[in-house]
Amino acid sequence: MNRVFSKEQLENFDVWGFCKNNDIIGCQVALTDTRELSKFAHQDGVLSIELASQKNANIFAGQETFELNFHISTILDLQCQRCLENLAWHYEQEFSLPIFRSEKQAENAPETVEDFLVCEQAEKIDLLWFIEEEILLAMPMIAKHENCSLPQAFGKEKNNLAEEKENPFAALKQLLK
């Protein structure tokens, strides 16, 4: 089944209901409607989300598990730390997240499973928050263009300061003559 979800449905997401139906959803959320990413939103920016559930072939602690398969993409406006101009940062990621019913079940998972979600049977989660956090963690610490230079105003000021500043040892040079 292929459905479209709203922002409100993502914020109150029924994980197990979604997984039991082997659902596939797609949605676009305006970046201005997000909590954290709105700070980096450009005009008409959207967060595109495709999500599918899949039954995991492995059984942990006697219970079946599922995986959520994500495909997320967006473009955020960052500021280049070299030239201070806007920088359009493209984010596109696909990843899978195993879902466990209890901590005990997660403890029995193989060591190769690093990231997972423990969700009780009737628990609903804020999936939009989770997706926003994934994007924030992937953002570059220092955003910069591939090729850019210092801002022109800064470069001119630096040159003017060097010309105006007098050498502190000029007086000593006069004494040595």
Protein backbone atom coordinates (compact mmCIF):
# COMPACT_ATOMS: atom_id res chain seq x y z
CA MET A 1 0.00 0.00 0.00
CA ASN A 2 1.36 3.43 -0.90
CA ARG A 3 -0.01 6.34 1.15
CA VAL A 4 0.70 10.00 1.77
CA PHE A 5 1.24 11.12 5.35
CA SER A 6 0.80 14.54 6.88
CA LYS A 7 3.18 16.32 9.23
CA GLU A 8 0.83 15.59 12.14
CA GLN A 9 0.81 11.85 11.37
CA LEU A 10 4.62 11.82 11.36
CA GLU A 11 4.67 13.52 14.76
CA ASN A 12 2.34 10.86 16.20
CA PHE A 13 3.58 7.81 14.29
CA ASP A 14 2.25 4.33 15.10
CA VAL A 15 5.36 2.24 14.39
CA TRP A 16 3.85 -1.21 14.88
CA GLY A 17 0.66 -0.41 13.00
CA PHE A 18 2.78 0.77 10.10
CA CYS A 19 5.05 -2.29 10.23
CA LYS A 20 2.22 -4.85 10.46
CA ASN A 21 0.69 -3.47 7.26
CA ASN A 22 4.00 -3.55 5.35
CA ASP A 23 3.24 0.02 4.40
CA ILE A 24 5.03 2.42 2.13
CA ILE A 25 4.50 6.14 2.64
CA GLY A 26 5.73 9.29 1.07
CA CYS A 27 5.37 12.86 2.19
CA GLN A 28 6.78 16.30 1.84
CA VAL A 29 6.95 18.63 4.80
CA ALA A 30 7.66 22.33 4.34
CA LEU A 31 10.95 23.17 6.05
CA THR A 32 9.29 26.19 7.61
CA ASP A 33 6.95 23.77 9.45
CA THR A 34 9.80 21.88 11.13
CA ARG A 35 11.18 22.64 14.58
CA GLU A 36 14.92 22.62 13.95
CA LEU A 37 15.38 22.70 10.18
CA SER A 38 13.26 25.84 9.78
CA LYS A 39 16.39 27.82 10.77
CA PHE A 40 18.01 26.64 7.54
CA ALA A 41 14.95 26.78 5.27
CA HIS A 42 15.15 28.45 1.92
CA GLN A 43 12.11 29.73 0.09
CA ASP A 44 9.71 26.87 -0.74
CA GLY A 45 12.12 24.34 0.79
CA VAL A 46 10.72 20.89 1.52
CA LEU A 47 11.80 17.79 3.36
CA SER A 48 11.00 14.73 1.23
CA ILE A 49 10.47 11.48 3.10
CA GLU A 50 9.87 7.99 1.75
CA LEU A 51 9.40 5.27 4.34
CA ALA A 52 8.80 1.55 3.94
CA SER A 53 8.46 -1.23 6.49
CA GLN A 54 9.92 -4.66 6.00
CA LYS A 55 9.72 -7.80 8.09
CA ASN A 56 13.19 -8.80 9.24
CA ALA A 57 14.15 -12.41 8.55
CA ASN A 58 15.92 -12.64 11.91
CA ILE A 59 14.08 -13.42 15.12
CA PHE A 60 15.54 -11.94 18.31
CA ALA A 61 14.52 -13.12 21.78
CA GLY A 62 11.77 -15.25 20.27
CA GLN A 63 10.01 -12.31 18.57
CA GLU A 64 9.92 -11.18 14.99
CA THR A 65 11.36 -7.79 14.15
CA PHE A 66 10.81 -5.23 11.46
CA GLU A 67 12.92 -2.61 9.76
CA LEU A 68 12.01 0.88 8.72
CA ASN A 69 13.69 1.82 5.43
CA PHE A 70 14.13 5.57 4.98
CA HIS A 71 14.90 7.71 1.95
CA ILE A 72 15.23 11.33 3.00
CA SER A 73 16.20 14.35 0.92
CA THR A 74 16.23 18.12 1.31
CA ILE A 75 18.23 21.24 0.54
CA LEU A 76 19.21 23.54 3.40
CA ASP A 77 20.61 27.06 3.29
CA LEU A 78 23.83 27.26 5.27
CA GLN A 79 26.40 30.05 5.42
CA CYS A 80 29.81 29.44 3.89
CA GLN A 81 32.39 30.01 6.60
CA ARG A 82 34.97 31.34 4.11
CA CYS A 83 33.07 33.84 1.97
CA LEU A 84 30.00 34.27 4.25
CA GLU A 85 27.64 33.78 1.28
CA ASN A 86 24.69 31.37 1.21
CA LEU A 87 25.52 27.75 0.56
CA ALA A 88 22.87 25.31 -0.66
CA TRP A 89 23.62 22.04 1.14
CA HIS A 90 22.05 18.96 -0.45
CA TYR A 91 21.15 16.10 1.86
CA GLU A 92 20.02 12.74 0.51
CA GLN A 93 20.28 9.58 2.55
CA GLU A 94 18.94 6.04 2.57
CA PHE A 95 19.18 3.94 5.71
CA SER A 96 17.44 1.12 7.57
CA LEU A 97 16.53 1.07 11.23
CA PRO A 98 15.63 -2.21 13.00
CA ILE A 99 12.67 -1.95 15.37
CA PHE A 100 12.62 -3.96 18.61
CA ARG A 101 9.74 -4.44 21.03
CA SER A 102 11.85 -4.42 24.19
CA GLU A 103 15.34 -3.76 25.53
CA LYS A 104 15.74 -7.52 26.05
CA GLN A 105 15.08 -8.18 22.40
CA ALA A 106 17.58 -5.47 21.40
CA GLU A 107 20.24 -7.00 23.68
CA ASN A 108 19.99 -10.25 21.72
CA ALA A 109 20.65 -8.51 18.41
CA PRO A 110 24.00 -9.23 16.75
CA GLU A 111 26.84 -6.80 17.39
CA THR A 112 26.66 -5.65 13.78
CA VAL A 113 23.37 -3.88 14.57
CA GLU A 114 24.53 -0.49 15.82
CA ASP A 115 21.49 1.73 15.38
CA PHE A 116 18.03 0.56 16.32
CA LEU A 117 14.77 1.75 17.83
CA VAL A 118 13.06 0.18 20.85
CA CYS A 119 9.35 0.82 20.71
CA GLU A 120 6.73 -0.71 23.00
CA GLN A 121 3.63 -2.25 21.40
CA ALA A 122 1.26 0.71 21.80
CA GLU A 123 3.89 3.45 21.82
CA LYS A 124 3.79 6.20 19.22
CA ILE A 125 6.87 8.21 18.33
CA ASP A 126 7.65 11.59 16.81
CA LEU A 127 9.20 10.37 13.59
CA LEU A 128 9.60 13.88 12.20
CA TRP A 129 11.79 14.83 15.18
CA PHE A 130 13.89 11.71 14.62
CA ILE A 131 14.39 12.57 10.93
CA GLU A 132 15.31 16.17 11.77
CA GLU A 133 17.91 14.95 14.24
CA GLU A 134 19.44 12.62 11.63
CA ILE A 135 19.83 15.55 9.23
CA LEU A 136 21.28 17.84 11.91
CA LEU A 137 23.86 15.20 12.82
CA ALA A 138 24.90 14.92 9.17
CA MET A 139 25.36 18.68 8.66
CA PRO A 140 28.94 19.79 8.13
CA MET A 141 30.56 21.41 11.15
CA ILE A 142 32.15 24.01 8.88
CA ALA A 143 30.09 24.66 5.77
CA LYS A 144 32.10 25.95 2.82
CA HIS A 145 31.96 26.16 -0.95
CA GLU A 146 34.35 24.07 -2.99
CA ASN A 147 36.00 27.19 -4.41
CA CYS A 148 35.58 30.59 -2.83
CA SER A 149 37.69 33.37 -1.37
CA LEU A 150 37.55 35.69 1.61
CA PRO A 151 34.85 38.35 1.48
CA GLN A 152 36.04 41.41 -0.48
CA ALA A 153 35.30 43.83 2.35
CA PHE A 154 37.37 41.79 4.80
CA GLY A 155 40.31 41.54 2.43
CA LYS A 156 40.33 45.32 1.83
CA GLU A 157 40.14 46.12 5.54
CA LYS A 158 43.06 43.83 6.27
CA ASN A 159 45.22 45.54 3.62
CA ASN A 160 44.29 49.02 4.93
CA LEU A 161 45.18 48.03 8.49
CA ALA A 162 48.59 46.79 7.40
CA GLU A 163 49.32 50.05 5.61
CA GLU A 164 48.18 52.24 8.52
CA LYS A 165 49.94 50.32 11.27
CA GLU A 166 53.38 51.69 12.02
CA ASN A 167 56.24 49.36 12.76
CA PRO A 168 56.89 49.47 16.55
CA PHE A 169 60.64 49.07 15.95
CA ALA A 170 60.91 52.09 13.64
CA ALA A 171 62.10 54.26 16.57
CA LEU A 172 64.87 51.72 17.38
CA LYS A 173 66.03 51.80 13.79
CA GLN A 174 66.45 55.58 14.09
CA LEU A 175 68.61 55.14 17.23
CA LEU A 176 70.97 52.72 15.48
CA LYS A 177 71.82 55.25 12.76
